[in-house]
């Protein structure tokens, strides 16, 4: 069995969709088995690779998880970084870690999505002409969902 069941993937995609209903921001999840190098640097590279730095308002958020290495990062683009409290990403990671340490990866990711979504909605509320700029499905960076 892979890291996420089909049901898990659906729960995560639905959490992203729900969070994005209140904001023009974009949230994505990138997953792989192992993190080569520094976790933050890896997340930053994927942020760019996934085109998250190209959103109209620069308000994308990426949750990166290297599940076999037990490493993760949550990062935002310059638009959201300018407005959230300085400790926002650290407090969000702490909330996620509480779930992860209890063995509930899915709920940890959903907690991160919800917290990011709340801040995005506060600073970048949904406007009538907003479009979903990026897909809501989990991106498996190593392209192997089942191992």
N, C-alpha and C. Protein backbone atom coordinates (compact mmCIF):
# COMPACT_ATOMS: atom_id res chain seq x y z
N UNK A 1 0.84 -1.18 0.00
CA UNK A 1 0.00 0.00 0.00
C UNK A 1 0.88 1.24 0.00
N UNK A 2 0.46 2.28 -0.73
CA UNK A 2 1.18 3.54 -0.79
C UNK A 2 1.01 4.34 0.49
N UNK A 3 1.61 5.50 0.52
CA UNK A 3 1.53 6.37 1.68
C UNK A 3 0.09 6.82 1.91
N UNK A 4 -0.67 7.05 0.83
CA UNK A 4 -2.06 7.48 0.95
C UNK A 4 -2.97 6.54 0.18
N UNK A 5 -4.09 6.18 0.79
CA UNK A 5 -5.11 5.44 0.08
C UNK A 5 -5.84 6.40 -0.86
N UNK A 6 -6.65 5.85 -1.73
CA UNK A 6 -7.47 6.69 -2.61
C UNK A 6 -8.36 7.60 -1.76
N UNK A 7 -8.91 7.05 -0.67
CA UNK A 7 -9.77 7.84 0.22
C UNK A 7 -8.97 8.98 0.87
N UNK A 8 -7.74 8.68 1.31
CA UNK A 8 -6.87 9.72 1.89
C UNK A 8 -6.64 10.84 0.88
N UNK A 9 -6.33 10.45 -0.35
CA UNK A 9 -6.06 11.45 -1.39
C UNK A 9 -7.29 12.31 -1.65
N UNK A 10 -8.45 11.68 -1.62
CA UNK A 10 -9.69 12.43 -1.82
C UNK A 10 -9.95 13.39 -0.66
N UNK A 11 -9.69 12.95 0.58
CA UNK A 11 -9.86 13.83 1.74
C UNK A 11 -8.95 15.06 1.64
N UNK A 12 -7.72 14.85 1.23
CA UNK A 12 -6.75 15.94 1.11
C UNK A 12 -7.16 16.88 -0.03
N UNK A 13 -7.51 16.34 -1.17
CA UNK A 13 -7.94 17.18 -2.30
C UNK A 13 -9.19 17.98 -1.94
N UNK A 14 -10.12 17.35 -1.22
CA UNK A 14 -11.33 18.06 -0.79
C UNK A 14 -11.01 19.16 0.21
N UNK A 15 -10.04 18.92 1.10
CA UNK A 15 -9.64 19.95 2.06
C UNK A 15 -9.05 21.15 1.33
N UNK A 16 -8.25 20.89 0.30
CA UNK A 16 -7.69 21.97 -0.51
C UNK A 16 -8.82 22.74 -1.20
N UNK A 17 -9.74 22.01 -1.81
CA UNK A 17 -10.85 22.64 -2.50
C UNK A 17 -11.68 23.50 -1.55
N UNK A 18 -11.96 22.98 -0.38
CA UNK A 18 -12.74 23.73 0.62
C UNK A 18 -12.00 24.99 1.05
N UNK A 19 -10.70 24.86 1.31
CA UNK A 19 -9.90 26.02 1.73
C UNK A 19 -9.86 27.07 0.63
N UNK A 20 -9.74 26.64 -0.61
CA UNK A 20 -9.61 27.58 -1.72
C UNK A 20 -10.92 28.26 -2.10
N UNK A 21 -12.05 27.75 -1.59
CA UNK A 21 -13.34 28.39 -1.88
C UNK A 21 -13.42 29.79 -1.28
N UNK A 22 -12.64 30.05 -0.25
CA UNK A 22 -12.69 31.33 0.45
C UNK A 22 -11.53 32.25 0.08
N UNK A 23 -10.70 31.86 -0.90
CA UNK A 23 -9.50 32.63 -1.19
C UNK A 23 -9.13 32.54 -2.67
N UNK A 24 -8.34 33.52 -3.08
CA UNK A 24 -7.75 33.45 -4.42
C UNK A 24 -6.43 32.69 -4.38
N UNK A 25 -5.98 32.31 -3.19
CA UNK A 25 -4.73 31.58 -3.01
C UNK A 25 -4.80 30.16 -3.53
N UNK A 26 -3.63 29.57 -3.67
CA UNK A 26 -3.50 28.21 -4.17
C UNK A 26 -2.69 27.38 -3.17
N UNK A 27 -3.16 26.18 -2.88
CA UNK A 27 -2.47 25.27 -1.97
C UNK A 27 -2.19 23.98 -2.72
N UNK A 28 -0.97 23.48 -2.58
CA UNK A 28 -0.60 22.21 -3.21
C UNK A 28 0.16 21.35 -2.22
N UNK A 29 0.11 20.05 -2.47
CA UNK A 29 0.83 19.07 -1.66
C UNK A 29 1.77 18.31 -2.58
N UNK A 30 3.07 18.30 -2.24
CA UNK A 30 4.06 17.54 -2.99
C UNK A 30 4.67 16.50 -2.07
N UNK A 31 4.70 15.27 -2.53
CA UNK A 31 5.12 14.14 -1.70
C UNK A 31 6.17 13.32 -2.43
N UNK A 32 7.14 12.85 -1.68
CA UNK A 32 8.08 11.86 -2.19
C UNK A 32 8.61 11.05 -1.02
N UNK A 33 9.24 9.92 -1.34
CA UNK A 33 9.77 9.05 -0.29
C UNK A 33 10.91 9.70 0.48
N UNK A 34 11.90 10.19 -0.26
CA UNK A 34 13.12 10.69 0.37
C UNK A 34 13.40 12.13 -0.05
N UNK A 35 13.96 12.87 0.88
CA UNK A 35 14.36 14.25 0.61
C UNK A 35 15.87 14.26 0.37
N UNK A 36 16.23 14.66 -0.82
CA UNK A 36 17.65 14.78 -1.14
C UNK A 36 18.08 16.19 -0.77
N UNK A 37 18.91 16.31 0.25
CA UNK A 37 19.38 17.63 0.68
C UNK A 37 18.50 18.25 1.74
N UNK A 38 18.58 19.56 1.86
CA UNK A 38 17.83 20.31 2.85
C UNK A 38 16.33 20.33 2.50
N UNK A 39 15.49 20.12 3.48
CA UNK A 39 14.05 20.03 3.26
C UNK A 39 13.47 21.33 2.69
N UNK A 40 13.85 22.46 3.29
CA UNK A 40 13.35 23.75 2.82
C UNK A 40 13.80 24.03 1.39
N UNK A 41 15.05 23.71 1.09
CA UNK A 41 15.57 23.92 -0.27
C UNK A 41 14.83 23.03 -1.27
N UNK A 42 14.55 21.80 -0.86
CA UNK A 42 13.83 20.88 -1.74
C UNK A 42 12.41 21.40 -2.00
N UNK A 43 11.74 21.85 -0.94
CA UNK A 43 10.39 22.39 -1.10
C UNK A 43 10.41 23.62 -2.00
N UNK A 44 11.41 24.47 -1.82
CA UNK A 44 11.54 25.68 -2.64
C UNK A 44 11.74 25.32 -4.11
N UNK A 45 12.54 24.31 -4.37
CA UNK A 45 12.76 23.88 -5.76
C UNK A 45 11.46 23.36 -6.38
N UNK A 46 10.71 22.57 -5.63
CA UNK A 46 9.44 22.05 -6.14
C UNK A 46 8.42 23.16 -6.32
N UNK A 47 8.44 24.14 -5.42
CA UNK A 47 7.54 25.29 -5.52
C UNK A 47 7.68 25.92 -6.91
N UNK A 48 8.91 26.12 -7.31
CA UNK A 48 9.19 26.70 -8.62
C UNK A 48 8.84 25.72 -9.74
N UNK A 49 9.25 24.47 -9.58
CA UNK A 49 9.02 23.45 -10.61
C UNK A 49 7.53 23.27 -10.90
N UNK A 50 6.71 23.42 -9.86
CA UNK A 50 5.26 23.25 -10.01
C UNK A 50 4.56 24.52 -10.47
N UNK A 51 5.33 25.57 -10.72
CA UNK A 51 4.75 26.82 -11.21
C UNK A 51 4.00 27.61 -10.16
N UNK A 52 4.25 27.32 -8.91
CA UNK A 52 3.52 27.99 -7.84
C UNK A 52 3.94 29.44 -7.67
N UNK A 53 5.08 29.79 -8.21
CA UNK A 53 5.55 31.17 -8.14
C UNK A 53 4.97 32.01 -9.28
N UNK A 54 4.07 31.43 -10.05
CA UNK A 54 3.50 32.13 -11.19
C UNK A 54 2.02 32.47 -10.98
N UNK A 55 1.50 32.31 -9.77
CA UNK A 55 0.10 32.68 -9.54
C UNK A 55 -0.04 34.19 -9.62
N UNK A 56 -1.23 34.64 -9.96
CA UNK A 56 -1.48 36.06 -10.20
C UNK A 56 -1.12 36.95 -9.01
N UNK A 57 -1.44 36.50 -7.82
CA UNK A 57 -1.21 37.33 -6.63
C UNK A 57 -0.04 36.83 -5.78
N UNK A 58 0.72 35.90 -6.30
CA UNK A 58 1.87 35.33 -5.58
C UNK A 58 1.47 34.87 -4.18
N UNK A 59 0.37 34.10 -4.15
CA UNK A 59 -0.17 33.64 -2.87
C UNK A 59 -0.35 32.13 -2.82
N UNK A 60 0.61 31.43 -3.40
CA UNK A 60 0.60 29.98 -3.35
C UNK A 60 1.26 29.46 -2.09
N UNK A 61 0.79 28.30 -1.62
CA UNK A 61 1.36 27.63 -0.45
C UNK A 61 1.63 26.18 -0.82
N UNK A 62 2.82 25.72 -0.51
CA UNK A 62 3.20 24.33 -0.78
C UNK A 62 3.51 23.62 0.52
N UNK A 63 2.88 22.46 0.69
CA UNK A 63 3.24 21.55 1.78
C UNK A 63 4.02 20.42 1.13
N UNK A 64 5.27 20.28 1.52
CA UNK A 64 6.16 19.25 0.99
C UNK A 64 6.40 18.20 2.07
N UNK A 65 6.30 16.93 1.69
CA UNK A 65 6.48 15.83 2.63
C UNK A 65 7.38 14.76 2.03
N UNK A 66 8.45 14.42 2.74
CA UNK A 66 9.30 13.28 2.39
C UNK A 66 9.00 12.22 3.46
N UNK A 67 8.04 11.36 3.18
CA UNK A 67 7.46 10.53 4.21
C UNK A 67 8.39 9.48 4.81
N UNK A 68 9.26 8.88 4.04
CA UNK A 68 10.14 7.87 4.64
C UNK A 68 11.26 8.50 5.48
N UNK A 69 11.58 9.74 5.18
CA UNK A 69 12.59 10.46 5.96
C UNK A 69 11.99 11.23 7.13
N UNK A 70 10.66 11.24 7.22
CA UNK A 70 9.94 11.97 8.28
C UNK A 70 10.34 13.45 8.28
N UNK A 71 10.34 14.04 7.08
CA UNK A 71 10.67 15.46 6.93
C UNK A 71 9.54 16.14 6.16
N UNK A 72 9.32 17.41 6.50
CA UNK A 72 8.34 18.18 5.75
C UNK A 72 8.63 19.66 5.89
N UNK A 73 8.04 20.43 4.99
CA UNK A 73 8.15 21.89 5.02
C UNK A 73 6.86 22.45 4.48
N UNK A 74 6.52 23.63 4.95
CA UNK A 74 5.40 24.38 4.39
C UNK A 74 5.91 25.77 4.07
N UNK A 75 5.74 26.16 2.81
CA UNK A 75 6.28 27.44 2.37
C UNK A 75 5.23 28.20 1.57
N UNK A 76 5.39 29.52 1.56
CA UNK A 76 4.48 30.37 0.80
C UNK A 76 5.24 31.29 -0.12
N UNK A 77 4.53 31.78 -1.12
CA UNK A 77 5.11 32.72 -2.07
C UNK A 77 5.21 34.10 -1.43
N UNK A 78 5.86 35.02 -2.13
CA UNK A 78 6.16 36.33 -1.56
C UNK A 78 4.91 37.12 -1.19
N UNK A 79 3.81 36.93 -1.90
CA UNK A 79 2.58 37.66 -1.58
C UNK A 79 2.07 37.34 -0.19
N UNK A 80 2.00 36.07 0.14
CA UNK A 80 1.51 35.69 1.47
C UNK A 80 2.58 35.91 2.53
N UNK A 81 3.84 35.70 2.17
CA UNK A 81 4.91 35.91 3.15
C UNK A 81 4.97 37.35 3.64
N UNK A 82 4.55 38.28 2.79
CA UNK A 82 4.56 39.70 3.18
C UNK A 82 3.52 40.02 4.25
N UNK A 83 2.46 39.23 4.35
CA UNK A 83 1.34 39.61 5.22
C UNK A 83 1.12 38.72 6.44
N UNK A 84 1.60 37.49 6.41
CA UNK A 84 1.38 36.62 7.57
C UNK A 84 2.35 36.97 8.69
N UNK A 85 1.99 36.66 9.94
CA UNK A 85 2.92 36.88 11.05
C UNK A 85 4.23 36.14 10.81
N UNK A 86 5.30 36.67 11.33
CA UNK A 86 6.65 36.11 11.13
C UNK A 86 6.71 34.63 11.51
N UNK A 87 6.00 34.24 12.57
CA UNK A 87 6.07 32.86 13.05
C UNK A 87 4.98 31.96 12.47
N UNK A 88 4.25 32.43 11.48
CA UNK A 88 3.11 31.66 10.97
C UNK A 88 3.49 30.28 10.47
N UNK A 89 4.53 30.18 9.66
CA UNK A 89 4.90 28.88 9.09
C UNK A 89 5.37 27.92 10.19
N UNK A 90 6.09 28.43 11.18
CA UNK A 90 6.56 27.58 12.29
C UNK A 90 5.38 27.08 13.13
N UNK A 91 4.41 27.96 13.42
CA UNK A 91 3.27 27.52 14.22
C UNK A 91 2.40 26.53 13.44
N UNK A 92 2.33 26.72 12.14
CA UNK A 92 1.60 25.77 11.30
C UNK A 92 2.30 24.42 11.31
N UNK A 93 3.63 24.42 11.21
CA UNK A 93 4.38 23.16 11.28
C UNK A 93 4.17 22.47 12.62
N UNK A 94 4.13 23.23 13.69
CA UNK A 94 3.92 22.66 15.02
C UNK A 94 2.57 21.95 15.09
N UNK A 95 1.53 22.60 14.55
CA UNK A 95 0.20 21.99 14.53
C UNK A 95 0.19 20.70 13.71
N UNK A 96 0.91 20.72 12.60
CA UNK A 96 0.98 19.53 11.75
C UNK A 96 1.75 18.41 12.46
N UNK A 97 2.85 18.76 13.11
CA UNK A 97 3.67 17.77 13.81
C UNK A 97 2.89 17.05 14.90
N UNK A 98 1.97 17.74 15.55
CA UNK A 98 1.16 17.12 16.60
C UNK A 98 0.39 15.92 16.03
N UNK A 99 -0.13 16.07 14.82
CA UNK A 99 -0.83 14.96 14.17
C UNK A 99 0.16 13.90 13.69
N UNK A 100 1.26 14.36 13.08
CA UNK A 100 2.25 13.42 12.55
C UNK A 100 2.80 12.53 13.66
N UNK A 101 3.10 13.12 14.81
CA UNK A 101 3.69 12.33 15.91
C UNK A 101 2.71 11.30 16.45
N UNK A 102 1.42 11.54 16.25
CA UNK A 102 0.42 10.56 16.63
C UNK A 102 0.15 9.55 15.54
N UNK A 103 0.91 9.63 14.44
CA UNK A 103 0.77 8.67 13.36
C UNK A 103 -0.30 9.02 12.33
N UNK A 104 -0.85 10.22 12.43
CA UNK A 104 -1.92 10.58 11.49
C UNK A 104 -1.43 11.62 10.48
N UNK A 105 -0.81 11.12 9.43
CA UNK A 105 -0.24 11.99 8.41
C UNK A 105 -1.33 12.77 7.69
N UNK A 106 -2.42 12.12 7.34
CA UNK A 106 -3.48 12.78 6.60
C UNK A 106 -4.04 13.96 7.39
N UNK A 107 -4.35 13.74 8.67
CA UNK A 107 -4.89 14.84 9.48
C UNK A 107 -3.87 15.95 9.68
N UNK A 108 -2.59 15.61 9.73
CA UNK A 108 -1.55 16.62 9.82
C UNK A 108 -1.52 17.50 8.59
N UNK A 109 -1.61 16.88 7.44
CA UNK A 109 -1.63 17.65 6.19
C UNK A 109 -2.89 18.50 6.12
N UNK A 110 -4.03 17.93 6.49
CA UNK A 110 -5.28 18.69 6.47
C UNK A 110 -5.21 19.86 7.44
N UNK A 111 -4.59 19.67 8.60
CA UNK A 111 -4.42 20.79 9.55
C UNK A 111 -3.61 21.91 8.90
N UNK A 112 -2.53 21.56 8.20
CA UNK A 112 -1.73 22.56 7.50
C UNK A 112 -2.53 23.27 6.42
N UNK A 113 -3.33 22.52 5.69
CA UNK A 113 -4.18 23.10 4.64
C UNK A 113 -5.17 24.08 5.26
N UNK A 114 -5.81 23.67 6.34
CA UNK A 114 -6.81 24.53 6.98
C UNK A 114 -6.20 25.82 7.51
N UNK A 115 -5.05 25.72 8.17
CA UNK A 115 -4.40 26.92 8.72
C UNK A 115 -3.94 27.85 7.60
N UNK A 116 -3.35 27.29 6.56
CA UNK A 116 -2.93 28.11 5.42
C UNK A 116 -4.15 28.73 4.75
N UNK A 117 -5.20 27.95 4.61
CA UNK A 117 -6.42 28.44 3.98
C UNK A 117 -7.05 29.60 4.75
N UNK A 118 -7.02 29.52 6.08
CA UNK A 118 -7.56 30.60 6.90
C UNK A 118 -6.80 31.91 6.68
N UNK A 119 -5.49 31.83 6.64
CA UNK A 119 -4.69 33.03 6.42
C UNK A 119 -4.86 33.55 4.99
N UNK A 120 -4.90 32.65 4.04
CA UNK A 120 -5.12 33.07 2.66
C UNK A 120 -6.46 33.77 2.53
N UNK A 121 -7.51 33.22 3.16
CA UNK A 121 -8.84 33.83 3.09
C UNK A 121 -8.85 35.21 3.74
N UNK A 122 -8.09 35.37 4.81
CA UNK A 122 -8.03 36.65 5.50
C UNK A 122 -7.37 37.72 4.64
N UNK A 123 -6.24 37.38 4.05
CA UNK A 123 -5.46 38.36 3.29
C UNK A 123 -5.75 38.38 1.80
N UNK A 124 -6.26 37.27 1.27
CA UNK A 124 -6.56 37.16 -0.16
C UNK A 124 -7.94 36.53 -0.33
N UNK A 125 -8.99 37.26 0.06
CA UNK A 125 -10.33 36.68 -0.01
C UNK A 125 -10.74 36.35 -1.45
N UNK A 126 -11.65 35.40 -1.57
CA UNK A 126 -12.17 35.01 -2.87
C UNK A 126 -12.88 36.19 -3.51
N UNK A 127 -12.66 36.37 -4.76
CA UNK A 127 -13.35 37.39 -5.54
C UNK A 127 -14.08 36.68 -6.67
N UNK A 128 -15.14 37.27 -7.13
CA UNK A 128 -16.03 36.62 -8.11
C UNK A 128 -15.35 36.09 -9.34
N UNK A 129 -14.26 36.72 -9.77
CA UNK A 129 -13.61 36.28 -11.00
C UNK A 129 -12.40 35.37 -10.76
N UNK A 130 -12.21 34.92 -9.51
CA UNK A 130 -11.09 34.03 -9.21
C UNK A 130 -11.25 32.69 -9.91
N UNK A 131 -10.15 32.17 -10.37
CA UNK A 131 -10.15 30.84 -10.97
C UNK A 131 -9.17 29.96 -10.20
N UNK A 132 -9.38 28.67 -10.27
CA UNK A 132 -8.45 27.73 -9.65
C UNK A 132 -7.25 27.61 -10.59
N UNK A 133 -6.16 28.25 -10.21
CA UNK A 133 -5.00 28.32 -11.10
C UNK A 133 -4.19 27.03 -11.15
N UNK A 134 -4.26 26.22 -10.07
CA UNK A 134 -3.46 25.00 -9.99
C UNK A 134 -4.32 23.84 -9.51
N UNK A 135 -4.04 22.62 -9.95
CA UNK A 135 -4.83 21.46 -9.52
C UNK A 135 -4.73 21.22 -8.01
N UNK A 136 -5.74 20.54 -7.47
CA UNK A 136 -5.80 20.27 -6.03
C UNK A 136 -5.30 18.89 -5.64
N UNK A 137 -4.97 18.06 -6.61
CA UNK A 137 -4.53 16.71 -6.29
C UNK A 137 -3.10 16.71 -5.76
N UNK A 138 -2.78 15.64 -5.02
CA UNK A 138 -1.43 15.46 -4.48
C UNK A 138 -0.48 15.20 -5.64
N UNK A 139 0.68 15.83 -5.59
CA UNK A 139 1.71 15.59 -6.60
C UNK A 139 2.73 14.64 -6.00
N UNK A 140 2.85 13.47 -6.60
CA UNK A 140 3.85 12.49 -6.17
C UNK A 140 5.10 12.75 -6.98
N UNK A 141 6.06 13.41 -6.37
CA UNK A 141 7.24 13.87 -7.10
C UNK A 141 8.10 12.71 -7.61
N UNK A 142 8.05 11.58 -6.93
CA UNK A 142 8.81 10.43 -7.41
C UNK A 142 7.96 9.56 -8.33
N UNK A 143 6.74 10.03 -8.65
CA UNK A 143 5.84 9.40 -9.59
C UNK A 143 5.50 7.95 -9.27
N UNK A 144 5.56 7.56 -8.01
CA UNK A 144 5.25 6.18 -7.64
C UNK A 144 4.35 6.18 -6.42
N UNK A 145 3.05 6.21 -6.64
CA UNK A 145 2.09 6.29 -5.55
C UNK A 145 2.06 5.05 -4.67
N UNK A 146 2.43 3.93 -5.22
CA UNK A 146 2.15 2.67 -4.55
C UNK A 146 3.33 2.01 -3.87
N UNK A 147 4.44 2.69 -3.79
CA UNK A 147 5.58 2.06 -3.14
C UNK A 147 6.14 2.95 -2.07
